């Protein structure tokens, strides 16, 4: 049984439990850590107050076994509307969403929380990114889209079922930064007010594929983005894998005919019309003449490969290299 964020089952989570809360590894289906993620998949961002929680029914087989998982929903009161995606469904003043629940064994219940996320506890405030899904329900877009916000300060409040200070929360986020990657919003906005989050979101650029599919809900958008990324990676890997031996530091040499065949293969592997035309023209020139003065498409073909694969190439056959 998965939690609201696609987290581990009760059995999987039990080994990582504390006395008061079981922390389950989360497996978000939608990216939710950065400002780019929020504007790509979120429909609304708001400060909310958790006013109540409700226990769901346990699975009959788990009841019979005497242990299992109890689902939970929480009631949210919207205190401040921070950001709204153009064209998004309006956010109601109050809503109920699914949250992490409880593990039970016999008559005893233990809270379950998602790793590196807030649990949404009654009485606390949070700054959240919400999406309106195809089934008509509202939900946060993922574990990275729930920021503690007690006292009007990002990071102050409940996190992993415990109360943390804004400074400690930001230090924890800082320890997980990845060089070269966009900083998580939890770190960028740590110890700040909601106005800082609004600034970050207003200035963020959504993923192009997500933006082109704003007519779909967040889950469907994420699938299209993942599909586009996989296709782009496969195309780049194939093209650049073939081009790799052409790198000037690879030490490979080709006859004019071999080089023409390789360039022809590259032309067939790119979806960029301009690159395809340049590479095809250069291959024709290589096959037609041994005189480098006639290879007018060589320079632009070099640029096409270097731009796509970040390698240095000269596209000279070995007989020309030896002549020099």
Protein backbone atom coordinates (compact mmCIF):
# COMPACT_ATOMS: atom_id res chain seq x y z
CA UNK A 1 0.00 0.00 0.00
CA UNK A 2 1.50 3.33 -1.05
CA UNK A 3 1.24 6.56 0.91
CA UNK A 4 -0.05 9.81 -0.61
CA UNK A 5 3.33 10.64 -2.09
CA UNK A 6 4.05 7.17 -3.44
CA UNK A 7 6.06 6.33 -0.33
CA UNK A 8 7.04 2.93 0.99
CA UNK A 9 4.50 0.49 2.41
CA UNK A 10 4.07 -0.05 6.14
CA UNK A 11 6.30 -3.13 6.03
CA UNK A 12 9.02 -1.32 4.12
CA UNK A 13 8.91 1.70 6.41
CA UNK A 14 8.93 -0.11 9.73
CA UNK A 15 12.69 -0.62 9.84
CA UNK A 16 13.29 3.14 9.66
CA UNK A 17 10.85 4.03 12.44
CA UNK A 18 11.37 6.06 15.58
CA UNK A 19 9.30 5.60 18.74
CA UNK A 20 6.82 8.33 17.75
CA UNK A 21 6.83 8.27 13.95
CA UNK A 22 7.76 5.87 11.16
CA UNK A 23 9.67 7.61 8.38
CA UNK A 24 9.05 6.01 4.98
CA UNK A 25 11.20 6.61 1.91
CA UNK A 26 9.16 8.72 -0.50
CA UNK A 27 8.96 8.12 -4.24
CA UNK A 28 7.41 11.22 -5.78
CA UNK A 29 5.82 10.73 -9.17
CA UNK A 30 6.04 14.47 -9.90
CA UNK A 31 9.15 16.65 -9.44
CA UNK A 32 8.47 19.12 -6.64
CA UNK A 33 11.72 20.45 -5.19
CA UNK A 34 12.51 23.57 -7.21
CA UNK A 35 10.78 26.75 -8.33
CA UNK A 36 10.89 25.33 -11.86
CA UNK A 37 9.04 22.24 -10.62
CA UNK A 38 6.40 24.32 -8.84
CA UNK A 39 5.57 26.44 -11.90
CA UNK A 40 5.74 23.42 -14.24
CA UNK A 41 3.37 21.16 -12.28
CA UNK A 42 1.70 23.30 -9.63
CA UNK A 43 -1.51 25.19 -10.26
CA UNK A 44 -1.59 27.21 -7.05
CA UNK A 45 0.79 28.04 -4.21
CA UNK A 46 -0.67 29.09 -0.88
CA UNK A 47 -0.14 29.34 2.85
CA UNK A 48 -2.50 26.87 4.53
CA UNK A 49 -3.43 25.98 8.10
CA UNK A 50 -4.28 22.37 9.00
CA UNK A 51 -7.53 22.52 10.94
CA UNK A 52 -8.44 18.83 11.31
CA UNK A 53 -7.51 15.27 10.36
CA UNK A 54 -9.65 12.24 9.55
CA UNK A 55 -8.85 8.54 9.76
CA UNK A 56 -9.73 6.29 6.85
CA UNK A 57 -10.89 2.69 7.00
CA UNK A 58 -8.26 -0.04 7.24
CA UNK A 59 -7.95 -2.80 4.67
CA UNK A 60 -10.00 -5.84 5.74
CA UNK A 61 -7.07 -8.22 5.28
CA UNK A 62 -4.84 -6.00 7.41
CA UNK A 63 -7.54 -5.81 10.11
CA UNK A 64 -7.69 -9.59 10.12
CA UNK A 65 -3.89 -9.76 10.40
CA UNK A 66 -3.92 -7.26 13.26
CA UNK A 67 -1.54 -4.81 11.64
CA UNK A 68 -1.40 -2.52 8.64
CA UNK A 69 -1.86 1.07 7.48
CA UNK A 70 -4.60 3.60 8.19
CA UNK A 71 -5.05 6.34 5.61
CA UNK A 72 -5.56 9.96 6.63
CA UNK A 73 -7.01 13.13 5.14
CA UNK A 74 -6.47 16.64 6.47
CA UNK A 75 -8.61 19.76 6.22
CA UNK A 76 -6.79 22.87 5.05
CA UNK A 77 -7.82 26.49 5.49
CA UNK A 78 -6.22 28.79 2.90
CA UNK A 79 -4.69 31.74 4.74
CA UNK A 80 -2.82 33.42 1.87
CA UNK A 81 -2.77 32.92 -1.88
CA UNK A 82 0.88 33.24 -2.93
CA UNK A 83 0.96 32.36 -6.64
CA UNK A 84 -1.39 31.12 -9.32
CA UNK A 85 -0.63 29.66 -12.74
CA UNK A 86 -2.40 31.52 -15.52
CA UNK A 87 -5.52 29.60 -16.53
CA UNK A 88 -5.43 27.32 -13.48
CA UNK A 89 -8.52 26.23 -11.57
CA UNK A 90 -9.32 28.64 -8.76
CA UNK A 91 -8.26 27.54 -5.29
CA UNK A 92 -11.13 27.18 -2.80
CA UNK A 93 -10.94 28.80 0.61
CA UNK A 94 -10.90 25.39 2.29
CA UNK A 95 -10.09 21.92 1.00
CA UNK A 96 -9.38 18.37 2.11
CA UNK A 97 -6.38 16.41 0.83
CA UNK A 98 -4.75 13.03 1.43
CA UNK A 99 -1.75 13.00 3.78
CA UNK A 100 0.45 10.39 5.43
CA UNK A 101 -1.49 8.30 7.94
CA UNK A 102 -0.74 5.78 10.67
CA UNK A 103 0.69 2.33 11.06
CA UNK A 104 -1.33 0.14 13.41
CA UNK A 105 -0.59 -3.05 15.28
CA UNK A 106 -3.36 -4.30 17.46
CA UNK A 107 -4.85 -1.27 19.17
CA UNK A 108 -1.66 0.79 18.92
CA UNK A 109 -1.20 3.44 16.22
CA UNK A 110 2.05 5.08 15.14
CA UNK A 111 2.30 8.09 12.86
CA UNK A 112 3.79 7.53 9.39
CA UNK A 113 5.69 10.32 7.63
CA UNK A 114 7.57 10.66 4.35
CA UNK A 115 11.34 11.09 4.44
CA UNK A 116 12.53 14.66 4.03
CA UNK A 117 8.99 16.03 4.09
CA UNK A 118 6.42 17.58 6.38
CA UNK A 119 3.58 15.35 7.52
CA UNK A 120 0.85 18.05 7.65
CA UNK A 121 -0.01 18.08 11.33
CA UNK A 122 -3.09 19.73 12.83
CA UNK A 123 -2.42 23.22 14.17
CA UNK A 124 0.55 23.98 11.90
CA UNK A 125 0.92 26.29 8.91
CA UNK A 126 2.57 25.31 5.62
CA UNK A 127 3.43 26.92 2.31
CA UNK A 128 2.41 24.41 -0.34
CA UNK A 129 2.21 23.93 -4.10
CA UNK A 130 -1.13 22.38 -5.03
CA UNK A 131 -2.45 20.87 -8.24
CA UNK A 132 -6.00 20.21 -9.36
CA UNK A 133 -6.11 16.69 -10.78
CA UNK A 134 -8.22 15.11 -13.51
CA UNK A 135 -10.43 13.36 -10.92
CA UNK A 136 -11.41 16.75 -9.51
CA UNK A 137 -9.33 16.38 -6.34
CA UNK A 138 -6.67 18.77 -5.02
CA UNK A 139 -3.30 17.52 -3.77
CA UNK A 140 0.21 18.75 -3.23
CA UNK A 141 2.51 17.98 -6.17
CA UNK A 142 5.01 16.10 -3.99
CA UNK A 143 7.06 16.01 -0.81
CA UNK A 144 9.17 18.98 -1.90
CA UNK A 145 6.06 21.11 -2.23
CA UNK A 146 5.22 21.24 1.48
CA UNK A 147 7.28 23.82 3.39
CA UNK A 148 6.87 24.39 7.16
CA UNK A 149 5.59 27.94 7.72
CA UNK A 150 4.71 28.55 11.36
CA UNK A 151 5.05 32.18 12.36
CA UNK A 152 5.28 33.32 8.75
CA UNK A 153 8.80 31.90 8.25
CA UNK A 154 9.73 29.16 5.77
CA UNK A 155 11.29 26.24 7.65
CA UNK A 156 9.71 27.01 11.00
CA UNK A 157 7.27 24.34 12.16
CA UNK A 158 6.62 20.66 11.53
CA UNK A 159 9.04 18.52 9.50
CA UNK A 160 9.13 14.70 9.49
CA UNK A 161 6.64 14.74 12.34
CA UNK A 162 8.80 16.91 14.63
CA UNK A 163 9.03 20.65 15.26
CA UNK A 164 12.09 22.36 13.76
CA UNK A 165 13.48 25.87 13.67
CA UNK A 166 13.84 27.74 10.39
CA UNK A 167 17.63 27.91 10.78
CA UNK A 168 17.96 24.17 11.41
CA UNK A 169 15.64 23.40 8.51
CA UNK A 170 17.65 25.54 6.07
CA UNK A 171 20.91 23.98 7.27
CA UNK A 172 19.44 20.54 6.59
CA UNK A 173 18.43 21.62 3.09
CA UNK A 174 21.89 23.12 2.48
CA UNK A 175 23.58 19.83 3.31
CA UNK A 176 21.69 18.20 0.42
CA UNK A 177 22.54 20.72 -2.29
CA UNK A 178 23.89 19.27 -5.53
CA UNK A 179 26.51 21.27 -7.40
CA UNK A 180 25.25 22.54 -10.75
CA UNK A 181 21.61 21.70 -10.02
CA UNK A 182 18.85 24.22 -9.33
CA UNK A 183 18.60 24.88 -5.61
CA UNK A 184 15.48 23.48 -3.92
CA UNK A 185 12.90 26.10 -3.02
CA UNK A 186 13.04 24.87 0.57
CA UNK A 187 16.66 26.08 0.72
CA UNK A 188 16.30 29.24 -1.37
CA UNK A 189 13.35 30.49 0.66
CA UNK A 190 14.51 29.14 4.03
CA UNK A 191 13.97 31.59 6.93
CA UNK A 192 12.08 33.93 4.55
CA UNK A 193 8.45 34.96 4.20
CA UNK A 194 5.97 33.85 1.54
CA UNK A 195 6.76 36.97 -0.47
CA UNK A 196 10.19 35.50 -1.29
CA UNK A 197 8.58 32.33 -2.61
CA UNK A 198 6.24 34.43 -4.73
CA UNK A 199 9.26 36.25 -6.19
CA UNK A 200 11.01 32.98 -7.00
CA UNK A 201 7.90 31.53 -8.64
CA UNK A 202 7.13 34.67 -10.63
CA UNK A 203 10.69 34.67 -11.99
CA UNK A 204 10.84 30.93 -12.74
CA UNK A 205 10.52 29.51 -16.25
CA UNK A 206 8.48 26.30 -16.51
CA UNK A 207 9.70 23.24 -18.36
CA UNK A 208 8.80 23.78 -22.02
CA UNK A 209 7.04 20.42 -22.39
CA UNK A 210 5.05 20.96 -19.19
CA UNK A 211 4.01 24.44 -20.33
CA UNK A 212 2.90 23.05 -23.69
CA UNK A 213 0.63 20.62 -21.82
CA UNK A 214 -0.99 22.90 -19.24
CA UNK A 215 -4.34 21.57 -20.45
CA UNK A 216 -3.43 18.29 -18.73
CA UNK A 217 -3.19 17.71 -14.99
CA UNK A 218 0.14 17.65 -13.17
CA UNK A 219 0.56 13.86 -13.31
CA UNK A 220 -0.01 13.72 -17.06
CA UNK A 221 2.29 16.70 -17.58
CA UNK A 222 5.06 14.95 -15.65
CA UNK A 223 4.71 11.86 -17.84
CA UNK A 224 5.05 13.95 -21.01
CA UNK A 225 8.12 15.71 -19.61
CA UNK A 226 9.74 12.39 -18.68
CA UNK A 227 8.95 10.97 -22.11
CA UNK A 228 10.43 14.01 -23.88
CA UNK A 229 13.55 13.90 -21.71
CA UNK A 230 14.05 10.19 -22.38
CA UNK A 231 13.65 10.70 -26.12
CA UNK A 232 16.11 13.61 -26.13
CA UNK A 233 18.64 11.65 -24.08
CA UNK A 234 18.36 8.62 -26.36
CA UNK A 235 18.81 10.74 -29.46
CA UNK A 236 21.76 12.62 -28.00
CA UNK A 237 23.41 9.45 -26.76
CA UNK A 238 23.04 7.75 -30.13
CA UNK A 239 24.30 10.72 -32.15
CA UNK A 240 27.13 11.55 -29.77
CA UNK A 241 28.05 7.91 -29.30
CA UNK A 242 28.67 7.64 -33.04
CA UNK A 243 30.48 10.99 -33.07
CA UNK A 244 32.74 10.19 -30.08
CA UNK A 245 35.54 8.53 -32.12
CA UNK A 246 35.79 11.72 -34.20
CA UNK A 247 37.03 13.73 -31.21
CA UNK A 248 40.47 15.18 -31.81
CA UNK A 249 41.73 13.62 -28.56
CA UNK A 250 40.37 10.15 -29.43
CA UNK A 251 43.30 9.31 -31.71
CA UNK A 252 41.10 7.67 -34.35
CA UNK A 253 41.89 8.08 -38.07
CA UNK A 254 39.65 7.48 -41.07
CA UNK A 255 40.11 7.31 -44.79
CA UNK A 256 38.06 9.76 -46.81
CA UNK A 257 35.49 7.07 -47.63
CA UNK A 258 35.22 5.92 -44.02
CA UNK A 259 34.79 9.48 -42.80
CA UNK A 260 32.09 10.09 -45.43
CA UNK A 261 30.21 6.99 -44.27
CA UNK A 262 30.42 8.06 -40.61
CA UNK A 263 29.23 11.59 -41.39
CA UNK A 264 26.34 10.09 -43.39
CA UNK A 265 25.39 7.99 -40.35
CA UNK A 266 25.41 11.11 -38.17
CA UNK A 267 23.15 12.92 -40.63
CA UNK A 268 20.66 10.11 -40.26
CA UNK A 269 20.71 10.27 -36.46
CA UNK A 270 19.91 13.96 -35.94
CA UNK A 271 16.43 15.47 -35.89
CA UNK A 272 17.86 18.95 -36.44
CA UNK A 273 17.08 19.77 -40.07
CA UNK A 274 19.99 22.20 -40.43
CA UNK A 275 22.52 19.77 -39.00
CA UNK A 276 21.17 16.99 -41.19
CA UNK A 277 21.56 19.12 -44.33
CA UNK A 278 25.08 20.26 -43.44
CA UNK A 279 26.35 16.79 -42.60
CA UNK A 280 24.77 15.27 -45.70
CA UNK A 281 26.32 17.93 -47.94
CA UNK A 282 29.75 17.41 -46.37
CA UNK A 283 29.54 13.65 -46.90
CA UNK A 284 28.72 14.21 -50.57
CA UNK A 285 31.71 16.53 -50.92
CA UNK A 286 34.03 13.99 -49.27
CA UNK A 287 32.92 11.28 -51.67
CA UNK A 288 33.20 13.55 -54.69
CA UNK A 289 36.71 14.95 -54.23
CA UNK A 290 39.98 14.46 -52.35
CA UNK A 291 40.70 18.19 -52.49
CA UNK A 292 39.95 19.87 -49.12
CA UNK A 293 39.35 23.14 -50.97
CA UNK A 294 36.08 21.65 -52.25
CA UNK A 295 34.78 20.68 -48.80
CA UNK A 296 32.76 23.86 -48.22
CA UNK A 297 30.45 22.20 -45.68
CA UNK A 298 33.24 20.95 -43.43
CA UNK A 299 33.34 23.98 -41.09
CA UNK A 300 29.59 24.05 -40.38
CA UNK A 301 29.57 20.26 -39.97
CA UNK A 302 32.28 20.60 -37.34
CA UNK A 303 30.14 23.16 -35.50
CA UNK A 304 27.07 20.89 -35.67
CA UNK A 305 28.90 18.03 -33.95
CA UNK A 306 30.75 20.18 -31.43
CA UNK A 307 27.55 21.97 -30.40
CA UNK A 308 25.58 18.75 -29.96
CA UNK A 309 28.24 16.69 -28.19
CA UNK A 310 30.63 19.18 -26.54
CA UNK A 311 33.71 17.63 -28.16
CA UNK A 312 36.36 19.07 -30.48
CA UNK A 313 36.47 17.58 -33.99
CA UNK A 314 38.30 18.50 -37.20
CA UNK A 315 36.60 16.10 -39.67
CA UNK A 316 39.78 15.52 -41.67
CA UNK A 317 40.52 12.09 -43.15
CA UNK A 318 43.89 10.53 -42.28
CA UNK A 319 45.48 11.19 -45.65
CA UNK A 320 44.92 14.93 -45.23
CA UNK A 321 46.29 14.82 -41.69
CA UNK A 322 49.40 13.02 -42.91
CA UNK A 323 49.88 15.57 -45.70
CA UNK A 324 49.91 18.36 -43.16
